[in-house]
């Protein structure tokens, strides 16, 4: 009977479901984008290298403002003594700069690094060679380009041995990194690595932004981090430092992205709420139009519960069918976005289930008032209604 009533007003039922369809689709789609962003960032952090330990100034936590670094290049030697192997320690200093080669130019992330960076972060070069210890010690003006930087500046020509200009200073290209790809719409290969001593000179600073350590094993990584922090705090008594493992970094990033996903889902939930109001409104109109039918049913023995359940089922059917269609559109949209756009999207099992459950709950919640109004109509008054 509920299906017959909905089929009798196909256009009205379809327009009523549209609000629910849009709301459910938005929930599934936005949650998928948030989950995809989280997965992408986790892969990036894990792809930095195994057993990675990052030493940064201040206390890194959710909502904590960044702290200006007081670390110096001499601290690398102190950390290396704690680690026991200088090849496992790297320092970096970064700045966004305009890089030129002849008439071509591009804006890239210029990183001053030590000669051990490619080993600590597991980022090999595809052509040429990486920086050497003598390059860092003598402040040599040599550079290793990311693949996108090399492509934009030199096209299909081999950049090895050619000149680039960074902050008005000429550098000779000695290598090109392997491809890293894009993530969250950002090109990770649009970078340039130069000796950290050279970077300090052209940027006019003496600090380093942070120190990275490749721990010998996962088991002792926390204890190693505490020893390094203790040494640095003795050198800088009025400063704080943090030793962050990959799991801790993922925890902080996960908090941020989970909150972002929750906000996106809440925004999408508003449209689902609006769709529920539309369902309630249409059901009240339906009760008014079918007053004589309700009176006739009650006159031949239908109880209040029977009438109430009939109209409640109609409301739940509207939102449930709309929910199924919205889930299909949301999943399909997420797959298309992940395939054809720079935004990552990952459909988790719980988001369609949650969206369908919420849509059914919306039908029950917003169908109760119309159902109760229909059930409480007086049969005599209902039969006399024109």
Protein backbone atom coordinates (compact mmCIF):
# COMPACT_ATOMS: atom_id res chain seq x y z
CA UNK A 1 0.00 0.00 0.00
CA UNK A 2 2.85 2.37 0.82
CA UNK A 3 4.53 1.59 -2.53
CA UNK A 4 1.23 2.15 -4.38
CA UNK A 5 0.83 5.53 -2.68
CA UNK A 6 4.36 6.59 -3.71
CA UNK A 7 3.88 5.34 -7.29
CA UNK A 8 0.66 7.33 -7.56
CA UNK A 9 2.72 10.55 -7.20
CA UNK A 10 5.94 9.63 -9.00
CA UNK A 11 7.16 13.15 -9.72
CA UNK A 12 6.51 14.37 -6.18
CA UNK A 13 8.18 11.29 -4.69
CA UNK A 14 11.21 11.72 -6.97
CA UNK A 15 11.62 15.41 -6.07
CA UNK A 16 11.26 14.57 -2.38
CA UNK A 17 13.96 11.90 -2.65
CA UNK A 18 16.27 14.33 -4.46
CA UNK A 19 17.15 16.16 -1.24
CA UNK A 20 18.03 12.85 0.47
CA UNK A 21 20.00 11.66 -2.58
CA UNK A 22 22.12 14.83 -2.61
CA UNK A 23 22.71 14.66 1.14
CA UNK A 24 23.79 10.99 1.16
CA UNK A 25 25.93 11.46 -1.95
CA UNK A 26 27.66 14.44 -0.34
CA UNK A 27 28.37 12.48 2.86
CA UNK A 28 29.90 9.51 1.00
CA UNK A 29 31.85 11.74 -1.41
CA UNK A 30 33.34 14.13 1.15
CA UNK A 31 34.22 11.36 3.60
CA UNK A 32 35.94 9.51 0.73
CA UNK A 33 38.00 12.61 -0.12
CA UNK A 34 39.00 13.07 3.53
CA UNK A 35 39.94 9.37 3.88
CA UNK A 36 41.90 9.52 0.61
CA UNK A 37 43.84 12.55 1.79
CA UNK A 38 44.68 10.79 5.05
CA UNK A 39 45.87 7.65 3.26
CA UNK A 40 48.01 9.69 0.85
CA UNK A 41 49.74 11.60 3.65
CA UNK A 42 50.36 8.36 5.55
CA UNK A 43 51.99 6.83 2.46
CA UNK A 44 54.17 9.92 2.05
CA UNK A 45 55.37 9.80 5.65
CA UNK A 46 56.04 6.07 5.45
CA UNK A 47 57.80 6.56 2.12
CA UNK A 48 60.36 8.93 3.65
CA UNK A 49 62.36 5.93 4.81
CA UNK A 50 62.31 3.23 7.45
CA UNK A 51 63.17 3.83 11.13
CA UNK A 52 63.08 7.60 10.56
CA UNK A 53 63.51 9.98 13.49
CA UNK A 54 63.00 13.73 13.03
CA UNK A 55 64.55 16.19 15.49
CA UNK A 56 62.70 19.52 15.43
CA UNK A 57 62.60 22.57 17.72
CA UNK A 58 59.68 22.98 20.11
CA UNK A 59 56.92 20.54 21.04
CA UNK A 60 55.06 19.34 17.98
CA UNK A 61 51.44 18.59 18.80
CA UNK A 62 47.97 19.22 17.41
CA UNK A 63 47.21 22.96 17.49
CA UNK A 64 50.76 23.87 18.55
CA UNK A 65 52.36 26.81 16.73
CA UNK A 66 55.73 26.11 15.05
CA UNK A 67 58.89 27.18 16.90
CA UNK A 68 61.82 29.06 15.33
CA UNK A 69 64.79 26.74 15.00
CA UNK A 70 68.00 27.38 16.97
CA UNK A 71 69.72 24.31 15.58
CA UNK A 72 73.13 24.84 13.97
CA UNK A 73 75.12 22.77 11.52
CA UNK A 74 77.53 21.92 14.34
CA UNK A 75 74.68 20.09 16.09
CA UNK A 76 74.79 17.48 13.33
CA UNK A 77 78.16 16.31 14.65
CA UNK A 78 76.80 16.09 18.19
CA UNK A 79 73.81 14.03 17.04
CA UNK A 80 76.12 11.85 14.90
CA UNK A 81 78.19 11.05 18.02
CA UNK A 82 75.04 9.88 19.81
CA UNK A 83 73.93 7.79 16.83
CA UNK A 84 77.42 6.43 16.20
CA UNK A 85 77.27 6.84 12.42
CA UNK A 86 77.34 10.17 10.58
CA UNK A 87 75.87 8.55 7.46
CA UNK A 88 72.63 8.08 9.40
CA UNK A 89 72.24 11.81 10.20
CA UNK A 90 71.06 14.55 7.82
CA UNK A 91 70.18 18.24 8.25
CA UNK A 92 68.06 20.47 6.03
CA UNK A 93 67.19 24.11 5.39
CA UNK A 94 64.43 24.99 2.90
CA UNK A 95 63.05 28.05 1.13
CA UNK A 96 60.80 28.70 -1.84
CA UNK A 97 62.83 30.34 -4.61
CA UNK A 98 62.59 31.24 -8.29
CA UNK A 99 64.91 28.99 -10.31
CA UNK A 100 66.05 30.07 -13.79
CA UNK A 101 67.80 28.38 -16.68
CA UNK A 102 68.24 30.70 -19.66
CA UNK A 103 64.80 32.09 -20.51
CA UNK A 104 62.96 29.35 -18.59
CA UNK A 105 61.97 29.83 -14.97
CA UNK A 106 59.98 27.98 -12.30
CA UNK A 107 59.20 28.42 -8.60
CA UNK A 108 60.59 25.48 -6.65
CA UNK A 109 61.37 24.37 -3.11
CA UNK A 110 65.12 24.88 -2.67
CA UNK A 111 66.54 22.69 0.08
CA UNK A 112 69.97 23.01 1.61
CA UNK A 113 70.96 19.50 2.62
CA UNK A 114 73.92 17.46 3.80
CA UNK A 115 75.57 14.77 1.71
CA UNK A 116 73.75 12.01 3.65
CA UNK A 117 70.20 13.15 2.87
CA UNK A 118 69.61 10.78 -0.05
CA UNK A 119 70.51 7.79 2.18
CA UNK A 120 68.51 8.88 5.23
CA UNK A 121 65.35 9.61 3.20
CA UNK A 122 65.80 6.79 0.64
CA UNK A 123 65.63 9.13 -2.35
CA UNK A 124 68.09 8.02 -5.04
CA UNK A 125 69.08 9.95 -8.17
CA UNK A 126 68.14 8.64 -11.62
CA UNK A 127 70.88 10.53 -13.49
CA UNK A 128 74.19 11.98 -12.40
CA UNK A 129 75.18 11.95 -8.73
CA UNK A 130 74.09 13.35 -5.38
CA UNK A 131 76.02 15.90 -3.32
CA UNK A 132 79.36 14.83 -1.82
CA UNK A 133 80.97 15.68 1.52
CA UNK A 134 83.43 18.00 -0.24
CA UNK A 135 80.51 19.84 -1.89
CA UNK A 136 79.14 20.65 1.57
CA UNK A 137 82.51 21.46 3.16
CA UNK A 138 83.62 23.81 0.38
CA UNK A 139 80.18 25.42 -0.18
CA UNK A 140 80.26 24.35 -3.79
CA UNK A 141 77.54 25.73 -6.07
CA UNK A 142 76.12 22.46 -7.34
CA UNK A 143 72.50 21.31 -7.46
CA UNK A 144 70.39 18.16 -7.79
CA UNK A 145 67.03 18.77 -9.49
CA UNK A 146 63.66 17.13 -9.02
CA UNK A 147 62.28 15.62 -12.23
CA UNK A 148 59.59 18.30 -12.66
CA UNK A 149 62.11 21.09 -12.10
CA UNK A 150 64.43 19.56 -14.70
CA UNK A 151 61.53 19.13 -17.16
CA UNK A 152 60.30 22.71 -16.81
CA UNK A 153 63.77 24.24 -17.12
CA UNK A 154 65.39 22.00 -19.74
CA UNK A 155 62.56 20.10 -21.43
CA UNK A 156 63.91 16.95 -23.06
CA UNK A 157 67.56 18.09 -22.88
CA UNK A 158 69.93 16.44 -20.43
CA UNK A 159 70.38 18.93 -17.53
CA UNK A 160 73.60 17.34 -16.21
CA UNK A 161 76.45 19.86 -16.43
CA UNK A 162 74.17 22.80 -17.31
CA UNK A 163 73.71 25.99 -15.27
CA UNK A 164 70.72 27.15 -13.21
CA UNK A 165 70.29 30.37 -11.24
CA UNK A 166 68.90 30.35 -7.68
CA UNK A 167 68.40 33.65 -5.84
CA UNK A 168 70.71 35.28 -8.38
CA UNK A 169 73.50 32.72 -7.81
CA UNK A 170 74.59 30.28 -10.54
CA UNK A 171 74.69 26.53 -9.82
CA UNK A 172 75.89 23.60 -11.91
CA UNK A 173 73.47 20.66 -12.16
CA UNK A 174 75.10 17.38 -11.15
CA UNK A 175 72.09 15.10 -10.76
CA UNK A 176 68.34 14.49 -11.18
CA UNK A 177 66.19 12.66 -8.61
CA UNK A 178 63.93 9.69 -9.34
CA UNK A 179 60.24 10.45 -9.81
CA UNK A 180 58.12 10.83 -6.66
CA UNK A 181 54.85 11.95 -8.29
CA UNK A 182 52.02 14.20 -7.17
CA UNK A 183 50.15 14.11 -3.87
CA UNK A 184 47.07 16.17 -2.90
CA UNK A 185 47.59 18.20 -6.07
CA UNK A 186 51.18 19.11 -5.11
CA UNK A 187 54.11 18.16 -7.33
CA UNK A 188 56.71 16.56 -5.05
CA UNK A 189 59.32 16.64 -7.81
CA UNK A 190 59.35 20.42 -8.07
CA UNK A 191 62.42 20.87 -5.86
CA UNK A 192 66.15 21.53 -5.91
CA UNK A 193 68.76 20.24 -3.44
CA UNK A 194 71.96 22.24 -2.86
CA UNK A 195 74.69 21.97 -0.19
CA UNK A 196 73.37 23.24 3.14
CA UNK A 197 76.43 25.46 3.67
CA UNK A 198 75.77 27.16 0.33
CA UNK A 199 72.08 27.57 1.22
CA UNK A 200 72.99 29.24 4.53
CA UNK A 201 75.17 31.73 2.66
CA UNK A 202 72.67 32.70 -0.07
CA UNK A 203 69.70 32.77 2.36
CA UNK A 204 71.71 34.75 4.93
CA UNK A 205 71.08 32.42 7.88
CA UNK A 206 73.13 30.15 10.12
CA UNK A 207 70.37 27.85 11.37
CA UNK A 208 69.09 24.52 10.08
CA UNK A 209 65.37 23.72 10.07
CA UNK A 210 65.69 20.20 11.43
CA UNK A 211 67.80 17.08 11.74
CA UNK A 212 66.77 13.64 10.50
CA UNK A 213 68.17 10.36 11.82
CA UNK A 214 67.84 6.89 10.34
CA UNK A 215 67.80 4.69 13.44
CA UNK A 216 69.56 1.30 13.28
CA UNK A 217 66.37 -0.49 14.37
CA UNK A 218 62.76 0.18 15.33
CA UNK A 219 63.21 -1.31 18.80
CA UNK A 220 65.59 1.33 20.11
CA UNK A 221 64.24 4.34 18.22
CA UNK A 222 62.43 5.90 21.20
CA UNK A 223 65.46 5.59 23.50
CA UNK A 224 67.69 7.05 20.77
CA UNK A 225 65.35 9.99 20.39
CA UNK A 226 65.44 10.71 24.13
CA UNK A 227 69.25 10.66 24.15
CA UNK A 228 69.46 13.07 21.23
CA UNK A 229 66.95 15.47 22.80
CA UNK A 230 68.90 15.35 26.09
CA UNK A 231 72.14 16.31 24.31
CA UNK A 232 70.51 19.19 22.43
CA UNK A 233 68.79 20.56 25.54
CA UNK A 234 72.17 20.65 27.31
CA UNK A 235 73.49 22.76 24.42
CA UNK A 236 70.39 25.00 24.44
CA UNK A 237 69.03 25.03 28.04
CA UNK A 238 66.31 27.58 27.28
CA UNK A 239 64.91 25.67 24.27
CA UNK A 240 62.77 22.59 23.80
CA UNK A 241 63.18 19.87 21.17
CA UNK A 242 61.09 16.96 19.96
CA UNK A 243 62.20 13.62 18.55
CA UNK A 244 59.38 12.41 16.32
CA UNK A 245 59.02 8.92 14.92
CA UNK A 246 56.94 8.17 11.85
CA UNK A 247 54.15 6.81 14.03
CA UNK A 248 54.03 10.04 16.06
CA UNK A 249 53.98 12.13 12.90
CA UNK A 250 51.15 10.00 11.54
CA UNK A 251 49.29 10.44 14.83
CA UNK A 252 49.43 14.25 14.63
CA UNK A 253 48.58 14.32 10.94
CA UNK A 254 45.83 11.76 11.51
CA UNK A 255 44.22 14.00 14.14
CA UNK A 256 44.16 16.94 11.76
CA UNK A 257 42.79 14.98 8.81
CA UNK A 258 40.23 13.11 10.93
CA UNK A 259 38.92 16.44 12.18
CA UNK A 260 38.80 17.70 8.59
CA UNK A 261 36.86 14.60 7.51
CA UNK A 262 34.44 15.09 10.41
CA UNK A 263 33.85 18.71 9.43
CA UNK A 264 33.23 17.71 5.80
CA UNK A 265 30.78 15.01 6.89
CA UNK A 266 28.97 17.49 9.17
CA UNK A 267 28.62 19.98 6.31
CA UNK A 268 27.23 17.23 4.08
CA UNK A 269 24.92 16.15 6.91
CA UNK A 270 23.24 19.57 6.82
CA UNK A 271 22.00 18.89 3.28
CA UNK A 272 20.69 15.52 4.50
CA UNK A 273 18.82 17.32 7.28
CA UNK A 274 17.28 19.71 4.75
CA UNK A 275 16.19 16.69 2.71
CA UNK A 276 14.51 15.27 5.82
CA UNK A 277 12.54 18.49 6.31
CA UNK A 278 11.36 18.15 2.71
CA UNK A 279 10.19 14.59 3.39
CA UNK A 280 8.23 15.72 6.45
CA UNK A 281 6.63 18.56 4.50
CA UNK A 282 5.52 16.32 1.60
CA UNK A 283 4.16 13.68 3.98
CA UNK A 284 2.04 16.31 5.75
CA UNK A 285 0.66 17.36 2.35
CA UNK A 286 -0.03 13.70 1.57
CA UNK A 287 -1.98 13.28 4.84
CA UNK A 288 -4.10 16.31 3.99
CA UNK A 289 -4.84 15.05 0.46
CA UNK A 290 -5.76 11.56 1.66
CA UNK A 291 -7.96 12.52 4.60
CA UNK A 292 -11.05 10.78 3.13
CA UNK A 293 -9.02 7.63 2.48
CA UNK A 294 -7.83 7.62 6.09
CA UNK A 295 -11.40 8.10 7.34
CA UNK A 296 -12.65 5.21 5.20
CA UNK A 297 -9.89 2.90 6.44
CA UNK A 298 -10.63 3.72 10.07
CA UNK A 299 -14.38 3.29 9.47
CA UNK A 300 -13.86 -0.29 8.27
CA UNK A 301 -11.69 -1.22 11.25
CA UNK A 302 -8.16 0.15 10.75
CA UNK A 303 -6.52 1.04 14.06
CA UNK A 304 -4.50 4.16 14.75
CA UNK A 305 -1.36 2.04 14.75
CA UNK A 306 -2.16 0.66 11.27
CA UNK A 307 -2.59 4.16 9.79
CA UNK A 308 0.52 5.46 11.55
CA UNK A 309 2.69 2.55 10.39
CA UNK A 310 1.49 2.99 6.78
CA UNK A 311 2.56 6.64 6.59
CA UNK A 312 5.77 5.98 8.52
CA UNK A 313 6.70 3.23 6.03
CA UNK A 314 6.10 5.66 3.16
CA UNK A 315 8.49 8.20 4.71
CA UNK A 316 11.15 5.54 5.40
CA UNK A 317 10.83 4.19 1.85
CA UNK A 318 11.37 7.66 0.43
CA UNK A 319 14.58 8.20 2.42
CA UNK A 320 15.85 4.61 2.07
CA UNK A 321 15.48 4.50 -1.70
CA UNK A 322 17.02 7.97 -1.88
CA UNK A 323 19.82 6.73 0.37
CA UNK A 324 20.63 3.76 -1.89
CA UNK A 325 20.70 6.01 -4.98
CA UNK A 326 22.82 8.58 -3.12
CA UNK A 327 25.31 5.88 -2.03
CA UNK A 328 25.64 4.64 -5.62
CA UNK A 329 26.22 8.18 -6.91
CA UNK A 330 28.65 8.98 -4.06
CA UNK A 331 30.75 5.84 -4.59
CA UNK A 332 30.75 6.38 -8.36
CA UNK A 333 31.72 10.03 -7.93
CA UNK A 334 34.54 9.13 -5.53
CA UNK A 335 35.97 6.60 -7.99
CA UNK A 336 35.83 9.17 -10.81
CA UNK A 337 37.52 11.84 -8.67
CA UNK A 338 40.26 9.43 -7.64
CA UNK A 339 40.80 8.37 -11.27
CA UNK A 340 40.60 11.67 -13.15
CA UNK A 341 41.48 14.43 -10.66
CA UNK A 342 44.51 15.28 -8.49
CA UNK A 343 42.39 14.78 -5.36
CA UNK A 344 42.68 11.32 -3.79
CA UNK A 345 39.47 9.56 -2.74
CA UNK A 346 39.07 6.36 -0.74
CA UNK A 347 35.62 4.84 -0.14
CA UNK A 348 35.64 3.30 3.34
CA UNK A 349 33.14 0.58 4.23
CA UNK A 350 31.61 2.58 7.06
CA UNK A 351 30.68 5.76 5.17
CA UNK A 352 27.99 4.16 2.90
CA UNK A 353 26.67 2.19 5.87
CA UNK A 354 26.55 5.33 8.00
CA UNK A 355 24.92 7.35 5.22
CA UNK A 356 22.22 4.71 4.67
CA UNK A 357 21.56 4.37 8.40
CA UNK A 358 21.27 8.13 8.79
CA UNK A 359 18.93 8.40 5.79
CA UNK A 360 16.65 5.69 7.24
CA UNK A 361 16.75 7.43 10.63
CA UNK A 362 15.84 10.72 8.95
CA UNK A 363 12.80 9.01 7.40
CA UNK A 364 11.69 7.72 10.80
CA UNK A 365 12.37 11.02 12.58
CA UNK A 366 10.66 13.25 10.05
CA UNK A 367 7.89 10.74 9.31
CA UNK A 368 6.66 10.43 12.89
CA UNK A 369 4.72 13.73 12.98
CA UNK A 370 2.80 13.15 9.70
CA UNK A 371 2.12 9.53 10.70
CA UNK A 372 0.76 10.55 14.12
CA UNK A 373 -1.40 13.27 12.56
CA UNK A 374 -2.88 10.75 10.11
CA UNK A 375 -3.47 8.17 12.86
CA UNK A 376 -5.30 10.65 15.12
CA UNK A 377 -7.81 11.86 12.52
CA UNK A 378 -11.45 11.38 13.56
CA UNK A 379 -13.06 8.93 11.07
CA UNK A 380 -16.40 10.80 10.89
CA UNK A 381 -14.74 14.18 10.31
CA UNK A 382 -12.32 12.61 7.82
CA UNK A 383 -15.16 11.05 5.76
CA UNK A 384 -16.99 14.41 5.56
CA UNK A 385 -13.85 16.17 4.23
CA UNK A 386 -14.27 17.51 0.68
